[in-house]
């Protein structure tokens, strides 16, 4: 009897410890994967590419192809951007080069959740009624971009902008192949 009681108590303690350690690990993982990162670097997500489609689709209508980009279509490059985990240092191939205004934006997804700070990048043609002139920092806009779930239709504020050549790239990071990734600017690429 004493042997069975000791065995039952030991099993209960071990089972409880396993359950608690499993809950702790699961809670941390799901919290990390479910909320966008709100860093100054403008990350898309914290640790995976699940919020970002594997195929970014074609460039938006009305965007001008760059006439003489530093990195022409087909050029193999190395990314120095850290928008998503695994991106910095990833090998990539340029699939599009464009001349437009490019913006980092602060927005709250239409699907709810935490605000996203300094999301890099959205181009002029992905902002509702943006016109042809460069938008000022602090301007309130509505996004037409569909880079991540909850982005299209979201109200946003321009955090910063650039007129560097902007690129669409194919690359692989953390085992995920990204096609037509939008966007990286020229200063986020090296040969």
C-alpha atoms as a PDB file:
ATOM      1  CA  UNK A   1       0.000   0.000   0.000  1.00  0.00           C
ATOM      2  CA  UNK A   2       2.768   2.432   0.970  1.00  0.00           C
ATOM      3  CA  UNK A   3       4.607   1.544  -2.287  1.00  0.00           C
ATOM      4  CA  UNK A   4       1.520   2.387  -4.426  1.00  0.00           C
ATOM      5  CA  UNK A   5       0.944   5.654  -2.541  1.00  0.00           C
ATOM      6  CA  UNK A   6       4.568   6.694  -3.033  1.00  0.00           C
ATOM      7  CA  UNK A   7       4.384   5.788  -6.734  1.00  0.00           C
ATOM      8  CA  UNK A   8       1.110   7.707  -7.163  1.00  0.00           C
ATOM      9  CA  UNK A   9       2.471  10.809  -5.418  1.00  0.00           C
ATOM     10  CA  UNK A  10       5.682  10.697  -7.477  1.00  0.00           C
ATOM     11  CA  UNK A  11       3.699  10.292 -10.708  1.00  0.00           C
ATOM     12  CA  UNK A  12       1.435  13.186  -9.719  1.00  0.00           C
ATOM     13  CA  UNK A  13       4.364  15.473  -8.970  1.00  0.00           C
ATOM     14  CA  UNK A  14       6.145  14.588 -12.232  1.00  0.00           C
ATOM     15  CA  UNK A  15       2.924  14.957 -14.221  1.00  0.00           C
ATOM     16  CA  UNK A  16       2.228  18.350 -12.660  1.00  0.00           C
ATOM     17  CA  UNK A  17       5.771  19.534 -13.360  1.00  0.00           C
ATOM     18  CA  UNK A  18       5.514  18.438 -16.996  1.00  0.00           C
ATOM     19  CA  UNK A  19       2.146  20.121 -17.407  1.00  0.00           C
ATOM     20  CA  UNK A  20       3.398  23.375 -15.903  1.00  0.00           C
ATOM     21  CA  UNK A  21       6.577  23.421 -17.965  1.00  0.00           C
ATOM     22  CA  UNK A  22       4.555  22.680 -21.113  1.00  0.00           C
ATOM     23  CA  UNK A  23       2.138  25.505 -20.357  1.00  0.00           C
ATOM     24  CA  UNK A  24       4.974  27.946 -19.807  1.00  0.00           C
ATOM     25  CA  UNK A  25       6.694  27.107 -23.065  1.00  0.00           C
ATOM     26  CA  UNK A  26       3.469  27.160 -25.036  1.00  0.00           C
ATOM     27  CA  UNK A  27       2.423  30.498 -23.597  1.00  0.00           C
ATOM     28  CA  UNK A  28       5.720  32.122 -24.537  1.00  0.00           C
ATOM     29  CA  UNK A  29       5.693  30.657 -28.054  1.00  0.00           C
ATOM     30  CA  UNK A  30       2.121  31.646 -28.841  1.00  0.00           C
ATOM     31  CA  UNK A  31       2.574  35.160 -27.487  1.00  0.00           C
ATOM     32  CA  UNK A  32       5.664  35.592 -29.626  1.00  0.00           C
ATOM     33  CA  UNK A  33       4.021  34.278 -32.776  1.00  0.00           C
ATOM     34  CA  UNK A  34       0.656  36.014 -32.448  1.00  0.00           C
ATOM     35  CA  UNK A  35       1.612  39.633 -32.034  1.00  0.00           C
ATOM     36  CA  UNK A  36       3.517  41.863 -34.438  1.00  0.00           C
ATOM     37  CA  UNK A  37       6.754  43.300 -33.210  1.00  0.00           C
ATOM     38  CA  UNK A  38       6.652  46.975 -32.375  1.00  0.00           C
ATOM     39  CA  UNK A  39      10.321  47.786 -32.693  1.00  0.00           C
ATOM     40  CA  UNK A  40      11.986  50.840 -34.090  1.00  0.00           C
ATOM     41  CA  UNK A  41      13.449  48.559 -36.749  1.00  0.00           C
ATOM     42  CA  UNK A  42       9.968  48.048 -38.126  1.00  0.00           C
ATOM     43  CA  UNK A  43       9.775  44.269 -37.998  1.00  0.00           C
ATOM     44  CA  UNK A  44       6.801  42.593 -39.624  1.00  0.00           C
ATOM     45  CA  UNK A  45       6.457  39.807 -37.081  1.00  0.00           C
ATOM     46  CA  UNK A  46       8.236  38.316 -34.131  1.00  0.00           C
ATOM     47  CA  UNK A  47       9.943  35.180 -35.225  1.00  0.00           C
ATOM     48  CA  UNK A  48       8.016  33.732 -38.148  1.00  0.00           C
ATOM     49  CA  UNK A  49       6.591  34.586 -41.534  1.00  0.00           C
ATOM     50  CA  UNK A  50       3.004  33.467 -40.840  1.00  0.00           C
ATOM     51  CA  UNK A  51       1.571  36.996 -41.110  1.00  0.00           C
ATOM     52  CA  UNK A  52       3.341  37.540 -44.397  1.00  0.00           C
ATOM     53  CA  UNK A  53       2.264  35.678 -47.560  1.00  0.00           C
ATOM     54  CA  UNK A  54       4.959  33.519 -49.173  1.00  0.00           C
ATOM     55  CA  UNK A  55       4.133  35.211 -52.499  1.00  0.00           C
ATOM     56  CA  UNK A  56       3.824  38.990 -52.325  1.00  0.00           C
ATOM     57  CA  UNK A  57       2.191  39.151 -55.745  1.00  0.00           C
ATOM     58  CA  UNK A  58       2.834  41.699 -58.472  1.00  0.00           C
ATOM     59  CA  UNK A  59       3.959  45.281 -58.017  1.00  0.00           C
ATOM     60  CA  UNK A  60       1.078  47.740 -57.581  1.00  0.00           C
ATOM     61  CA  UNK A  61      -0.383  49.441 -60.650  1.00  0.00           C
ATOM     62  CA  UNK A  62       1.087  52.805 -61.518  1.00  0.00           C
ATOM     63  CA  UNK A  63       4.543  52.219 -60.012  1.00  0.00           C
ATOM     64  CA  UNK A  64       7.466  53.244 -62.264  1.00  0.00           C
ATOM     65  CA  UNK A  65      10.229  50.774 -63.009  1.00  0.00           C
ATOM     66  CA  UNK A  66      13.656  52.201 -62.174  1.00  0.00           C
ATOM     67  CA  UNK A  67      15.511  53.177 -65.339  1.00  0.00           C
ATOM     68  CA  UNK A  68      19.026  52.422 -64.101  1.00  0.00           C
ATOM     69  CA  UNK A  69      18.896  50.756 -60.675  1.00  0.00           C
ATOM     70  CA  UNK A  70      22.097  49.895 -58.811  1.00  0.00           C
ATOM     71  CA  UNK A  71      20.788  46.299 -58.608  1.00  0.00           C
ATOM     72  CA  UNK A  72      18.986  45.365 -61.872  1.00  0.00           C
ATOM     73  CA  UNK A  73      16.402  42.578 -62.069  1.00  0.00           C
ATOM     74  CA  UNK A  74      18.144  39.208 -61.808  1.00  0.00           C
ATOM     75  CA  UNK A  75      20.984  40.466 -59.589  1.00  0.00           C
ATOM     76  CA  UNK A  76      21.901  38.220 -56.652  1.00  0.00           C
ATOM     77  CA  UNK A  77      22.309  40.303 -53.494  1.00  0.00           C
ATOM     78  CA  UNK A  78      22.561  39.995 -49.713  1.00  0.00           C
ATOM     79  CA  UNK A  79      19.875  41.633 -47.584  1.00  0.00           C
ATOM     80  CA  UNK A  80      20.874  43.817 -44.647  1.00  0.00           C
ATOM     81  CA  UNK A  81      17.274  44.650 -43.664  1.00  0.00           C
ATOM     82  CA  UNK A  82      15.916  43.166 -40.451  1.00  0.00           C
ATOM     83  CA  UNK A  83      12.192  43.554 -41.126  1.00  0.00           C
ATOM     84  CA  UNK A  84      11.653  39.878 -40.301  1.00  0.00           C
ATOM     85  CA  UNK A  85      13.648  37.271 -38.435  1.00  0.00           C
ATOM     86  CA  UNK A  86      16.204  35.627 -40.697  1.00  0.00           C
ATOM     87  CA  UNK A  87      16.151  38.411 -43.263  1.00  0.00           C
ATOM     88  CA  UNK A  88      19.422  40.129 -42.280  1.00  0.00           C
ATOM     89  CA  UNK A  89      22.181  38.328 -44.190  1.00  0.00           C
ATOM     90  CA  UNK A  90      19.814  36.313 -46.382  1.00  0.00           C
ATOM     91  CA  UNK A  91      20.737  35.780 -50.026  1.00  0.00           C
ATOM     92  CA  UNK A  92      18.165  37.230 -52.418  1.00  0.00           C
ATOM     93  CA  UNK A  93      17.472  37.823 -56.088  1.00  0.00           C
ATOM     94  CA  UNK A  94      16.109  41.148 -57.310  1.00  0.00           C
ATOM     95  CA  UNK A  95      12.813  40.633 -59.177  1.00  0.00           C
ATOM     96  CA  UNK A  96      11.783  44.294 -59.452  1.00  0.00           C
ATOM     97  CA  UNK A  97      13.328  47.753 -59.051  1.00  0.00           C
ATOM     98  CA  UNK A  98      11.154  50.871 -58.829  1.00  0.00           C
ATOM     99  CA  UNK A  99      11.300  54.646 -58.475  1.00  0.00           C
ATOM    100  CA  UNK A 100       8.689  55.937 -56.023  1.00  0.00           C
ATOM    101  CA  UNK A 101       8.350  57.297 -52.505  1.00  0.00           C
ATOM    102  CA  UNK A 102       8.631  54.624 -49.853  1.00  0.00           C
ATOM    103  CA  UNK A 103       7.240  54.942 -46.321  1.00  0.00           C
ATOM    104  CA  UNK A 104       7.617  53.428 -42.880  1.00  0.00           C
ATOM    105  CA  UNK A 105       4.173  53.535 -41.265  1.00  0.00           C
ATOM    106  CA  UNK A 106       2.598  53.122 -37.844  1.00  0.00           C
ATOM    107  CA  UNK A 107      -0.770  51.359 -37.939  1.00  0.00           C
ATOM    108  CA  UNK A 108      -3.171  49.161 -36.018  1.00  0.00           C
ATOM    109  CA  UNK A 109      -4.292  46.076 -37.963  1.00  0.00           C
ATOM    110  CA  UNK A 110      -7.965  46.023 -38.973  1.00  0.00           C
ATOM    111  CA  UNK A 111      -8.090  42.542 -37.437  1.00  0.00           C
ATOM    112  CA  UNK A 112      -7.212  43.974 -34.014  1.00  0.00           C
ATOM    113  CA  UNK A 113      -4.102  43.359 -31.988  1.00  0.00           C
ATOM    114  CA  UNK A 114      -1.189  45.507 -31.005  1.00  0.00           C
ATOM    115  CA  UNK A 115      -0.221  48.559 -33.032  1.00  0.00           C
ATOM    116  CA  UNK A 116       2.668  48.060 -35.471  1.00  0.00           C
ATOM    117  CA  UNK A 117       5.365  50.715 -35.274  1.00  0.00           C
ATOM    118  CA  UNK A 118       7.498  51.775 -38.221  1.00  0.00           C
ATOM    119  CA  UNK A 119       6.430  48.984 -40.599  1.00  0.00           C
ATOM    120  CA  UNK A 120       8.916  48.991 -43.452  1.00  0.00           C
ATOM    121  CA  UNK A 121       7.906  49.531 -46.244  1.00  0.00           C
ATOM    122  CA  UNK A 122       4.809  50.778 -48.064  1.00  0.00           C
ATOM    123  CA  UNK A 123       5.122  52.550 -51.417  1.00  0.00           C
ATOM    124  CA  UNK A 124       3.172  55.586 -52.629  1.00  0.00           C
ATOM    125  CA  UNK A 125       0.961  53.386 -54.829  1.00  0.00           C
ATOM    126  CA  UNK A 126      -0.156  51.341 -51.776  1.00  0.00           C
ATOM    127  CA  UNK A 127      -1.667  54.347 -50.004  1.00  0.00           C
ATOM    128  CA  UNK A 128      -5.237  55.411 -50.724  1.00  0.00           C
ATOM    129  CA  UNK A 129      -5.497  58.701 -52.637  1.00  0.00           C
ATOM    130  CA  UNK A 130      -1.760  59.404 -52.137  1.00  0.00           C
ATOM    131  CA  UNK A 131      -1.331  61.409 -55.341  1.00  0.00           C
ATOM    132  CA  UNK A 132       2.109  62.015 -56.836  1.00  0.00           C
ATOM    133  CA  UNK A 133       3.724  64.234 -54.200  1.00  0.00           C
ATOM    134  CA  UNK A 134       5.778  62.888 -51.300  1.00  0.00           C
ATOM    135  CA  UNK A 135       3.651  62.617 -48.146  1.00  0.00           C
ATOM    136  CA  UNK A 136       4.882  64.394 -45.028  1.00  0.00           C
ATOM    137  CA  UNK A 137       5.992  62.591 -41.891  1.00  0.00           C
ATOM    138  CA  UNK A 138       3.033  62.526 -39.500  1.00  0.00           C
ATOM    139  CA  UNK A 139       0.430  62.464 -42.291  1.00  0.00           C
ATOM    140  CA  UNK A 140      -2.600  60.259 -41.588  1.00  0.00           C
ATOM    141  CA  UNK A 141      -3.326  57.821 -44.422  1.00  0.00           C
ATOM    142  CA  UNK A 142      -5.281  54.668 -45.267  1.00  0.00           C
ATOM    143  CA  UNK A 143      -3.287  51.659 -46.438  1.00  0.00           C
ATOM    144  CA  UNK A 144      -4.113  49.669 -49.554  1.00  0.00           C
ATOM    145  CA  UNK A 145      -1.100  47.367 -49.123  1.00  0.00           C
ATOM    146  CA  UNK A 146      -1.812  43.734 -48.341  1.00  0.00           C
ATOM    147  CA  UNK A 147       1.617  42.701 -47.070  1.00  0.00           C
ATOM    148  CA  UNK A 148       0.163  41.235 -43.877  1.00  0.00           C
ATOM    149  CA  UNK A 149      -3.252  40.282 -42.558  1.00  0.00           C
ATOM    150  CA  UNK A 150      -5.138  43.338 -41.309  1.00  0.00           C
ATOM    151  CA  UNK A 151      -3.102  45.847 -43.292  1.00  0.00           C
ATOM    152  CA  UNK A 152      -5.487  46.676 -46.155  1.00  0.00           C
ATOM    153  CA  UNK A 153      -7.859  49.425 -45.054  1.00  0.00           C
ATOM    154  CA  UNK A 154      -5.924  50.174 -41.866  1.00  0.00           C
ATOM    155  CA  UNK A 155      -5.542  53.775 -40.757  1.00  0.00           C
ATOM    156  CA  UNK A 156      -1.855  54.664 -40.547  1.00  0.00           C
ATOM    157  CA  UNK A 157       0.549  57.503 -39.846  1.00  0.00           C
ATOM    158  CA  UNK A 158       3.668  58.148 -41.922  1.00  0.00           C
ATOM    159  CA  UNK A 159       6.648  57.611 -39.593  1.00  0.00           C
ATOM    160  CA  UNK A 160       9.366  58.328 -42.180  1.00  0.00           C
ATOM    161  CA  UNK A 161      10.013  58.177 -45.899  1.00  0.00           C
ATOM    162  CA  UNK A 162      12.703  57.790 -48.536  1.00  0.00           C
ATOM    163  CA  UNK A 163      13.059  58.220 -52.266  1.00  0.00           C
ATOM    164  CA  UNK A 164      15.734  55.512 -52.585  1.00  0.00           C
ATOM    165  CA  UNK A 165      15.183  52.923 -55.301  1.00  0.00           C
ATOM    166  CA  UNK A 166      12.884  50.283 -53.808  1.00  0.00           C
ATOM    167  CA  UNK A 167      13.189  46.596 -54.645  1.00  0.00           C
ATOM    168  CA  UNK A 168      11.033  43.506 -54.741  1.00  0.00           C
ATOM    169  CA  UNK A 169      13.084  40.367 -53.974  1.00  0.00           C
ATOM    170  CA  UNK A 170      12.888  36.596 -53.774  1.00  0.00           C
ATOM    171  CA  UNK A 171      14.724  35.129 -50.781  1.00  0.00           C
ATOM    172  CA  UNK A 172      14.731  32.268 -48.303  1.00  0.00           C
ATOM    173  CA  UNK A 173      14.925  32.651 -44.525  1.00  0.00           C
ATOM    174  CA  UNK A 174      14.397  30.111 -41.770  1.00  0.00           C
ATOM    175  CA  UNK A 175      13.265  27.532 -44.321  1.00  0.00           C
ATOM    176  CA  UNK A 176      10.558  29.786 -45.769  1.00  0.00           C
ATOM    177  CA  UNK A 177      10.827  30.862 -49.415  1.00  0.00           C
ATOM    178  CA  UNK A 178       9.529  34.376 -49.975  1.00  0.00           C
ATOM    179  CA  UNK A 179       8.625  35.369 -53.531  1.00  0.00           C
ATOM    180  CA  UNK A 180       8.087  38.989 -54.625  1.00  0.00           C
ATOM    181  CA  UNK A 181       8.780  40.260 -51.097  1.00  0.00           C
ATOM    182  CA  UNK A 182       7.753  43.886 -50.794  1.00  0.00           C
ATOM    183  CA  UNK A 183       9.898  45.915 -50.049  1.00  0.00           C
ATOM    184  CA  UNK A 184      13.587  46.620 -49.401  1.00  0.00           C
ATOM    185  CA  UNK A 185      15.267  49.902 -50.223  1.00  0.00           C
ATOM    186  CA  UNK A 186      18.701  50.271 -51.800  1.00  0.00           C
ATOM    187  CA  UNK A 187      20.484  50.936 -48.499  1.00  0.00           C
ATOM    188  CA  UNK A 188      19.196  47.566 -47.192  1.00  0.00           C
ATOM    189  CA  UNK A 189      20.981  45.580 -49.918  1.00  0.00           C
ATOM    190  CA  UNK A 190      24.611  44.786 -50.578  1.00  0.00           C
ATOM    191  CA  UNK A 191      26.267  42.909 -53.451  1.00  0.00           C
END
